[in-house]
Amino acid sequence: MDINKFIKKHEKSLNYSGGGRKQHFQLIIEKLVALNKPLTIIETGTLWAPLDTPMGGFTYIFGDLIKNYTGGKLITIDINSKHIENAKQSTKEFQDVIEYVTSDSVKHLESMNDNEIEEVDLFYFDSYDFSSSDPIPSQLHHFRELSAVYKRLSKNVILSVDDNLPPGCWMDEIISGGNGKILSKKIFHGTPPNRWFGKGTLIDCFLTSEGWERINTYDKPSMQVLTYILP
């Protein structure tokens, strides 16, 4: 598989989504392809918006990877049935390798048996919208997702969590409606000087204390994906 060519194919979506997703998705894909096996991937939070919006496109990109290159299955979980229906429309060319689950992600992960969890090659946690003015609900939800599977993970699993700011950054938060109208003014927040700030704050504290290696592709102060592997 020519990974550079594959990333180039999805470059527009990845560039539009901002942050370090392009470089980071390539890093994740390289690790997955190196496994040389049909993949099992679980994503929490699905592709709820059209591909031409800055949402990252994980469901579409990794559906393509599994359908046309590696084989396997992508399980995408979202509590909102409308989000699932939107994802089905955006990824219809890959529907035969995607399992769409309408459920609270924590409850669904808890309901999966040990063998199902151990077979997963990548967990991508991205289900609960993050607000810098009220960060705890998102951070806690994603930590609960990890807790639902942690003791049952394969030692070769890859864990990723989206939407994190590097230590010592400042952030402009703008909340807008579907028509682009700004619903709230800019709010400026300073991130802790020694702590990643975002959906993965609690996950990062826990996994790094447990000896997991953090991988990030930080090259500018914008939202980043964090990935963890066991050394």
C-alpha atoms as a PDB file:
ATOM      1  CA  MET A   1       0.000   0.000   0.000  1.00  0.00           C
ATOM      2  CA  ASP A   2       1.249   3.472  -0.923  1.00  0.00           C
ATOM      3  CA  ILE A   3       0.331   5.366   2.261  1.00  0.00           C
ATOM      4  CA  ASN A   4       1.478   8.739   0.914  1.00  0.00           C
ATOM      5  CA  LYS A   5      -0.833   8.292  -2.069  1.00  0.00           C
ATOM      6  CA  PHE A   6      -3.705   7.327   0.230  1.00  0.00           C
ATOM      7  CA  ILE A   7      -3.203  10.411   2.418  1.00  0.00           C
ATOM      8  CA  LYS A   8      -2.973  12.584  -0.705  1.00  0.00           C
ATOM      9  CA  LYS A   9      -6.362  11.201  -1.754  1.00  0.00           C
ATOM     10  CA  HIS A  10      -7.894  12.590   1.447  1.00  0.00           C
ATOM     11  CA  GLU A  11      -5.713  15.675   1.705  1.00  0.00           C
ATOM     12  CA  LYS A  12      -8.466  18.208   1.100  1.00  0.00           C
ATOM     13  CA  SER A  13     -10.611  16.918   3.947  1.00  0.00           C
ATOM     14  CA  LEU A  14      -7.646  16.622   6.307  1.00  0.00           C
ATOM     15  CA  ASN A  15      -6.306  20.080   5.544  1.00  0.00           C
ATOM     16  CA  TYR A  16      -9.743  21.610   5.899  1.00  0.00           C
ATOM     17  CA  SER A  17     -10.206  20.082   9.336  1.00  0.00           C
ATOM     18  CA  GLY A  18      -7.220  22.007  10.681  1.00  0.00           C
ATOM     19  CA  GLY A  19      -4.834  20.958  13.424  1.00  0.00           C
ATOM     20  CA  GLY A  20      -2.404  18.110  12.912  1.00  0.00           C
ATOM     21  CA  ARG A  21      -4.812  15.475  11.605  1.00  0.00           C
ATOM     22  CA  LYS A  22      -3.172  14.964   8.212  1.00  0.00           C
ATOM     23  CA  GLN A  23       0.229  14.116   9.625  1.00  0.00           C
ATOM     24  CA  HIS A  24      -1.240  12.239  12.541  1.00  0.00           C
ATOM     25  CA  PHE A  25      -3.646  10.120  10.495  1.00  0.00           C
ATOM     26  CA  GLN A  26      -0.696   9.107   8.331  1.00  0.00           C
ATOM     27  CA  LEU A  27       1.199   8.057  11.447  1.00  0.00           C
ATOM     28  CA  ILE A  28      -1.742   5.964  12.699  1.00  0.00           C
ATOM     29  CA  ILE A  29      -2.300   4.372   9.292  1.00  0.00           C
ATOM     30  CA  GLU A  30       1.360   3.424   8.992  1.00  0.00           C
ATOM     31  CA  LYS A  31       1.148   1.603  12.328  1.00  0.00           C
ATOM     32  CA  LEU A  32      -2.089  -0.140  11.377  1.00  0.00           C
ATOM     33  CA  VAL A  33      -0.897  -1.251   7.945  1.00  0.00           C
ATOM     34  CA  ALA A  34       2.278  -2.633   9.533  1.00  0.00           C
ATOM     35  CA  LEU A  35       0.101  -5.111  11.445  1.00  0.00           C
ATOM     36  CA  ASN A  36      -0.502  -6.839   8.087  1.00  0.00           C
ATOM     37  CA  LYS A  37      -3.960  -8.107   9.025  1.00  0.00           C
ATOM     38  CA  PRO A  38      -7.643  -7.266   8.633  1.00  0.00           C
ATOM     39  CA  LEU A  39      -8.300  -4.401  11.020  1.00  0.00           C
ATOM     40  CA  THR A  40     -10.902  -3.852  13.695  1.00  0.00           C
ATOM     41  CA  ILE A  41     -11.388  -0.191  14.564  1.00  0.00           C
ATOM     42  CA  ILE A  42     -13.829   1.429  16.986  1.00  0.00           C
ATOM     43  CA  GLU A  43     -14.690   5.108  16.693  1.00  0.00           C
ATOM     44  CA  THR A  44     -16.821   6.905  19.271  1.00  0.00           C
ATOM     45  CA  GLY A  45     -18.578   9.873  17.740  1.00  0.00           C
ATOM     46  CA  THR A  46     -19.351   9.456  14.065  1.00  0.00           C
ATOM     47  CA  LEU A  47     -19.074  11.583  10.914  1.00  0.00           C
ATOM     48  CA  TRP A  48     -22.188  13.646  11.561  1.00  0.00           C
ATOM     49  CA  ALA A  49     -21.482  16.531   9.170  1.00  0.00           C
ATOM     50  CA  PRO A  50     -20.781  16.634   5.415  1.00  0.00           C
ATOM     51  CA  LEU A  51     -17.240  15.972   4.245  1.00  0.00           C
ATOM     52  CA  ASP A  52     -16.781  19.578   3.153  1.00  0.00           C
ATOM     53  CA  THR A  53     -17.028  20.777   6.758  1.00  0.00           C
ATOM     54  CA  PRO A  54     -13.994  20.860   9.075  1.00  0.00           C
ATOM     55  CA  MET A  55     -14.751  17.685  11.028  1.00  0.00           C
ATOM     56  CA  GLY A  56     -11.743  15.479  10.283  1.00  0.00           C
ATOM     57  CA  GLY A  57     -13.500  12.768   8.273  1.00  0.00           C
ATOM     58  CA  PHE A  58     -12.300   9.799  10.355  1.00  0.00           C
ATOM     59  CA  THR A  59     -15.269   7.551   9.504  1.00  0.00           C
ATOM     60  CA  TYR A  60     -14.877   8.150   5.784  1.00  0.00           C
ATOM     61  CA  ILE A  61     -11.086   7.878   5.645  1.00  0.00           C
ATOM     62  CA  PHE A  62     -10.806   4.729   7.732  1.00  0.00           C
ATOM     63  CA  GLY A  63     -13.809   3.185   6.012  1.00  0.00           C
ATOM     64  CA  ASP A  64     -11.874   3.630   2.771  1.00  0.00           C
ATOM     65  CA  LEU A  65      -8.742   2.153   4.346  1.00  0.00           C
ATOM     66  CA  ILE A  66     -10.550  -0.994   5.461  1.00  0.00           C
ATOM     67  CA  LYS A  67     -12.702  -1.405   2.348  1.00  0.00           C
ATOM     68  CA  ASN A  68     -10.004  -0.937  -0.258  1.00  0.00           C
ATOM     69  CA  TYR A  69      -6.719  -1.801   1.422  1.00  0.00           C
ATOM     70  CA  THR A  70      -6.613  -3.788   4.667  1.00  0.00           C
ATOM     71  CA  GLY A  71      -9.930  -5.553   5.095  1.00  0.00           C
ATOM     72  CA  GLY A  72     -11.687  -5.753   8.422  1.00  0.00           C
ATOM     73  CA  LYS A  73     -14.406  -3.726  10.135  1.00  0.00           C
ATOM     74  CA  LEU A  74     -14.988  -0.196  11.417  1.00  0.00           C
ATOM     75  CA  ILE A  75     -17.508   0.204  14.246  1.00  0.00           C
ATOM     76  CA  THR A  76     -18.723   3.783  14.616  1.00  0.00           C
ATOM     77  CA  ILE A  77     -20.817   4.665  17.668  1.00  0.00           C
ATOM     78  CA  ASP A  78     -22.949   7.745  18.236  1.00  0.00           C
ATOM     79  CA  ILE A  79     -25.795   8.444  20.644  1.00  0.00           C
ATOM     80  CA  ASN A  80     -27.596  10.614  18.076  1.00  0.00           C
ATOM     81  CA  SER A  81     -29.563   8.665  15.453  1.00  0.00           C
ATOM     82  CA  LYS A  82     -29.485  11.634  13.066  1.00  0.00           C
ATOM     83  CA  HIS A  83     -25.696  11.623  13.219  1.00  0.00           C
ATOM     84  CA  ILE A  84     -25.665   7.931  12.356  1.00  0.00           C
ATOM     85  CA  GLU A  85     -27.981   8.482   9.392  1.00  0.00           C
ATOM     86  CA  ASN A  86     -25.757  11.318   8.155  1.00  0.00           C
ATOM     87  CA  ALA A  87     -22.726   9.074   8.484  1.00  0.00           C
ATOM     88  CA  LYS A  88     -24.425   6.345   6.476  1.00  0.00           C
ATOM     89  CA  GLN A  89     -25.045   8.803   3.664  1.00  0.00           C
ATOM     90  CA  SER A  90     -21.497  10.188   3.683  1.00  0.00           C
ATOM     91  CA  THR A  91     -19.880   6.735   3.810  1.00  0.00           C
ATOM     92  CA  LYS A  92     -22.350   4.713   1.705  1.00  0.00           C
ATOM     93  CA  GLU A  93     -19.590   3.407  -0.557  1.00  0.00           C
ATOM     94  CA  PHE A  94     -18.008   1.711   2.468  1.00  0.00           C
ATOM     95  CA  GLN A  95     -21.162   0.559   4.266  1.00  0.00           C
ATOM     96  CA  ASP A  96     -20.358  -3.132   3.896  1.00  0.00           C
ATOM     97  CA  VAL A  97     -17.323  -2.744   6.187  1.00  0.00           C
ATOM     98  CA  ILE A  98     -18.850  -0.270   8.662  1.00  0.00           C
ATOM     99  CA  GLU A  99     -21.090  -1.169  11.586  1.00  0.00           C
ATOM    100  CA  TYR A 100     -23.198   1.833  12.614  1.00  0.00           C
ATOM    101  CA  VAL A 101     -24.239   1.784  16.266  1.00  0.00           C
ATOM    102  CA  THR A 102     -26.744   4.194  17.795  1.00  0.00           C
ATOM    103  CA  SER A 103     -25.953   4.095  21.506  1.00  0.00           C
ATOM    104  CA  ASP A 104     -24.268   5.824  24.381  1.00  0.00           C
ATOM    105  CA  SER A 105     -20.651   4.927  23.679  1.00  0.00           C
ATOM    106  CA  VAL A 106     -19.754   3.998  27.259  1.00  0.00           C
ATOM    107  CA  LYS A 107     -22.724   1.631  27.575  1.00  0.00           C
ATOM    108  CA  HIS A 108     -21.961  -0.004  24.235  1.00  0.00           C
ATOM    109  CA  LEU A 109     -18.298  -0.518  25.046  1.00  0.00           C
ATOM    110  CA  GLU A 110     -19.252  -2.014  28.405  1.00  0.00           C
ATOM    111  CA  SER A 111     -21.648  -4.413  26.654  1.00  0.00           C
ATOM    112  CA  MET A 112     -18.977  -5.839  24.343  1.00  0.00           C
ATOM    113  CA  ASN A 113     -17.414  -9.109  25.442  1.00  0.00           C
ATOM    114  CA  ASP A 114     -13.731  -9.540  26.256  1.00  0.00           C
ATOM    115  CA  ASN A 115     -12.854 -11.212  22.949  1.00  0.00           C
ATOM    116  CA  GLU A 116     -14.475  -8.405  20.960  1.00  0.00           C
ATOM    117  CA  ILE A 117     -12.488  -5.777  22.854  1.00  0.00           C
ATOM    118  CA  GLU A 118      -9.214  -7.685  22.581  1.00  0.00           C
ATOM    119  CA  GLU A 119      -9.613  -7.895  18.793  1.00  0.00           C
ATOM    120  CA  VAL A 120      -9.686  -4.101  18.406  1.00  0.00           C
ATOM    121  CA  ASP A 121      -6.567  -2.601  16.799  1.00  0.00           C
ATOM    122  CA  LEU A 122      -7.518   1.070  17.239  1.00  0.00           C
ATOM    123  CA  PHE A 123      -9.872   2.955  19.525  1.00  0.00           C
ATOM    124  CA  TYR A 124     -10.549   6.500  18.385  1.00  0.00           C
ATOM    125  CA  PHE A 125     -12.288   8.498  21.120  1.00  0.00           C
ATOM    126  CA  ASP A 126     -14.116  11.553  19.765  1.00  0.00           C
ATOM    127  CA  SER A 127     -17.712  11.360  20.971  1.00  0.00           C
ATOM    128  CA  TYR A 128     -18.456  14.238  23.326  1.00  0.00           C
ATOM    129  CA  ASP A 129     -18.032  17.824  22.130  1.00  0.00           C
ATOM    130  CA  PHE A 130     -15.375  19.716  24.062  1.00  0.00           C
ATOM    131  CA  SER A 131     -15.934  23.175  25.513  1.00  0.00           C
ATOM    132  CA  SER A 132     -12.947  25.020  26.908  1.00  0.00           C
ATOM    133  CA  SER A 133     -15.263  26.995  29.221  1.00  0.00           C
ATOM    134  CA  ASP A 134     -16.712  23.746  30.643  1.00  0.00           C
ATOM    135  CA  PRO A 135     -14.168  21.001  29.902  1.00  0.00           C
ATOM    136  CA  ILE A 136     -14.964  18.404  32.568  1.00  0.00           C
ATOM    137  CA  PRO A 137     -18.048  16.687  30.993  1.00  0.00           C
ATOM    138  CA  SER A 138     -16.169  15.840  27.792  1.00  0.00           C
ATOM    139  CA  GLN A 139     -12.980  14.848  29.583  1.00  0.00           C
ATOM    140  CA  LEU A 140     -14.852  12.619  32.011  1.00  0.00           C
ATOM    141  CA  HIS A 141     -16.925  10.968  29.276  1.00  0.00           C
ATOM    142  CA  HIS A 142     -13.853  10.028  27.271  1.00  0.00           C
ATOM    143  CA  PHE A 143     -12.120   8.687  30.364  1.00  0.00           C
ATOM    144  CA  ARG A 144     -15.198   6.551  31.050  1.00  0.00           C
ATOM    145  CA  GLU A 145     -14.925   5.180  27.504  1.00  0.00           C
ATOM    146  CA  LEU A 146     -11.339   4.178  28.154  1.00  0.00           C
ATOM    147  CA  SER A 147     -12.263   2.696  31.534  1.00  0.00           C
ATOM    148  CA  ALA A 148     -14.940   0.546  29.888  1.00  0.00           C
ATOM    149  CA  VAL A 149     -12.307  -1.304  27.848  1.00  0.00           C
ATOM    150  CA  TYR A 150      -8.970  -0.736  29.569  1.00  0.00           C
ATOM    151  CA  LYS A 151      -8.512  -4.034  31.397  1.00  0.00           C
ATOM    152  CA  ARG A 152      -9.467  -5.984  28.263  1.00  0.00           C
ATOM    153  CA  LEU A 153      -7.177  -4.345  25.696  1.00  0.00           C
ATOM    154  CA  SER A 154      -4.706  -6.116  23.455  1.00  0.00           C
ATOM    155  CA  LYS A 155      -1.115  -5.160  24.209  1.00  0.00           C
ATOM    156  CA  ASN A 156      -0.770  -4.098  20.560  1.00  0.00           C
ATOM    157  CA  VAL A 157      -3.762  -1.760  20.583  1.00  0.00           C
ATOM    158  CA  ILE A 158      -3.521   1.876  19.525  1.00  0.00           C
ATOM    159  CA  LEU A 159      -5.512   4.433  21.531  1.00  0.00           C
ATOM    160  CA  SER A 160      -6.289   7.868  20.109  1.00  0.00           C
ATOM    161  CA  VAL A 161      -8.293  10.833  21.363  1.00  0.00           C
ATOM    162  CA  ASP A 162      -9.077  13.908  19.286  1.00  0.00           C
ATOM    163  CA  ASP A 163      -9.289  17.631  20.043  1.00  0.00           C
ATOM    164  CA  ASN A 164      -6.482  18.573  22.403  1.00  0.00           C
ATOM    165  CA  LEU A 165      -4.431  21.727  22.760  1.00  0.00           C
ATOM    166  CA  PRO A 166      -0.714  21.564  23.621  1.00  0.00           C
ATOM    167  CA  PRO A 167       0.495  22.910  26.983  1.00  0.00           C
ATOM    168  CA  GLY A 168       0.847  26.673  27.301  1.00  0.00           C
ATOM    169  CA  CYS A 169      -1.502  27.627  24.431  1.00  0.00           C
ATOM    170  CA  TRP A 170      -4.209  30.220  24.204  1.00  0.00           C
ATOM    171  CA  MET A 171      -7.519  29.517  22.498  1.00  0.00           C
ATOM    172  CA  ASP A 172     -10.281  31.477  20.800  1.00  0.00           C
ATOM    173  CA  GLU A 173     -13.597  29.678  21.256  1.00  0.00           C
ATOM    174  CA  ILE A 174     -16.360  30.663  18.876  1.00  0.00           C
ATOM    175  CA  ILE A 175     -19.709  28.880  19.016  1.00  0.00           C
ATOM    176  CA  SER A 176     -21.806  29.232  15.887  1.00  0.00           C
ATOM    177  CA  GLY A 177     -25.083  27.876  14.590  1.00  0.00           C
ATOM    178  CA  GLY A 178     -25.630  25.735  11.508  1.00  0.00           C
ATOM    179  CA  ASN A 179     -26.056  28.852   9.365  1.00  0.00           C
ATOM    180  CA  GLY A 180     -22.698  30.226  10.471  1.00  0.00           C
ATOM    181  CA  LYS A 181     -24.243  32.799  12.821  1.00  0.00           C
ATOM    182  CA  ILE A 182     -22.107  33.333  15.919  1.00  0.00           C
ATOM    183  CA  LEU A 183     -24.048  32.322  19.017  1.00  0.00           C
ATOM    184  CA  SER A 184     -21.461  33.376  21.563  1.00  0.00           C
ATOM    185  CA  LYS A 185     -18.551  35.766  21.669  1.00  0.00           C
ATOM    186  CA  LYS A 186     -14.916  34.735  21.710  1.00  0.00           C
ATOM    187  CA  ILE A 187     -13.665  33.374  24.987  1.00  0.00           C
ATOM    188  CA  PHE A 188      -9.953  33.279  25.648  1.00  0.00           C
ATOM    189  CA  HIS A 189      -8.550  30.425  27.704  1.00  0.00           C
ATOM    190  CA  GLY A 190      -4.994  29.703  28.691  1.00  0.00           C
ATOM    191  CA  THR A 191      -4.055  26.023  28.796  1.00  0.00           C
ATOM    192  CA  PRO A 192      -2.035  24.671  31.744  1.00  0.00           C
ATOM    193  CA  PRO A 193       1.730  25.056  31.198  1.00  0.00           C
ATOM    194  CA  ASN A 194       2.478  21.338  31.673  1.00  0.00           C
ATOM    195  CA  ARG A 195      -0.751  19.669  30.629  1.00  0.00           C
ATOM    196  CA  TRP A 196      -2.524  18.836  27.368  1.00  0.00           C
ATOM    197  CA  PHE A 197      -5.951  20.446  27.470  1.00  0.00           C
ATOM    198  CA  GLY A 198      -8.920  18.939  25.675  1.00  0.00           C
ATOM    199  CA  LYS A 199     -10.986  15.796  25.391  1.00  0.00           C
ATOM    200  CA  GLY A 200      -8.027  13.671  26.382  1.00  0.00           C
ATOM    201  CA  THR A 201      -6.786  15.459  29.517  1.00  0.00           C
ATOM    202  CA  LEU A 202      -7.815  12.703  31.947  1.00  0.00           C
ATOM    203  CA  ILE A 203      -6.877   9.952  29.482  1.00  0.00           C
ATOM    204  CA  ASP A 204      -3.438  11.500  29.090  1.00  0.00           C
ATOM    205  CA  CYS A 205      -2.887  11.729  32.852  1.00  0.00           C
ATOM    206  CA  PHE A 206      -3.890   8.114  33.329  1.00  0.00           C
ATOM    207  CA  LEU A 207      -2.131   6.469  30.393  1.00  0.00           C
ATOM    208  CA  THR A 208       1.180   8.271  30.826  1.00  0.00           C
ATOM    209  CA  SER A 209       1.164   7.322  34.519  1.00  0.00           C
ATOM    210  CA  GLU A 210       0.559   3.711  33.447  1.00  0.00           C
ATOM    211  CA  GLY A 211       3.624   3.667  31.196  1.00  0.00           C
ATOM    212  CA  TRP A 212       1.988   4.240  27.816  1.00  0.00           C
ATOM    213  CA  GLU A 213       3.936   6.220  25.247  1.00  0.00           C
ATOM    214  CA  ARG A 214       2.224   9.376  24.004  1.00  0.00           C
ATOM    215  CA  ILE A 215       2.609  10.151  20.305  1.00  0.00           C
ATOM    216  CA  ASN A 216       1.586  13.482  18.868  1.00  0.00           C
ATOM    217  CA  THR A 217       2.477  15.396  15.731  1.00  0.00           C
ATOM    218  CA  TYR A 218       2.333  18.852  17.252  1.00  0.00           C
ATOM    219  CA  ASP A 219       3.766  21.487  14.961  1.00  0.00           C
ATOM    220  CA  LYS A 220       1.512  24.462  15.694  1.00  0.00           C
ATOM    221  CA  PRO A 221      -0.812  25.591  18.513  1.00  0.00           C
ATOM    222  CA  SER A 222      -4.071  24.115  17.272  1.00  0.00           C
ATOM    223  CA  MET A 223      -6.285  21.145  18.114  1.00  0.00           C
ATOM    224  CA  GLN A 224      -4.372  17.871  17.930  1.00  0.00           C
ATOM    225  CA  VAL A 225      -4.949  14.121  18.055  1.00  0.00           C
ATOM    226  CA  LEU A 226      -3.098  12.291  20.827  1.00  0.00           C
ATOM    227  CA  THR A 227      -2.177   8.631  20.353  1.00  0.00           C
ATOM    228  CA  TYR A 228      -0.871   6.099  22.857  1.00  0.00           C
ATOM    229  CA  ILE A 229       0.915   2.768  22.491  1.00  0.00           C
ATOM    230  CA  LEU A 230       2.602   0.444  24.939  1.00  0.00           C
ATOM    231  CA  PRO A 231       6.408   0.560  24.529  1.00  0.00           C
END
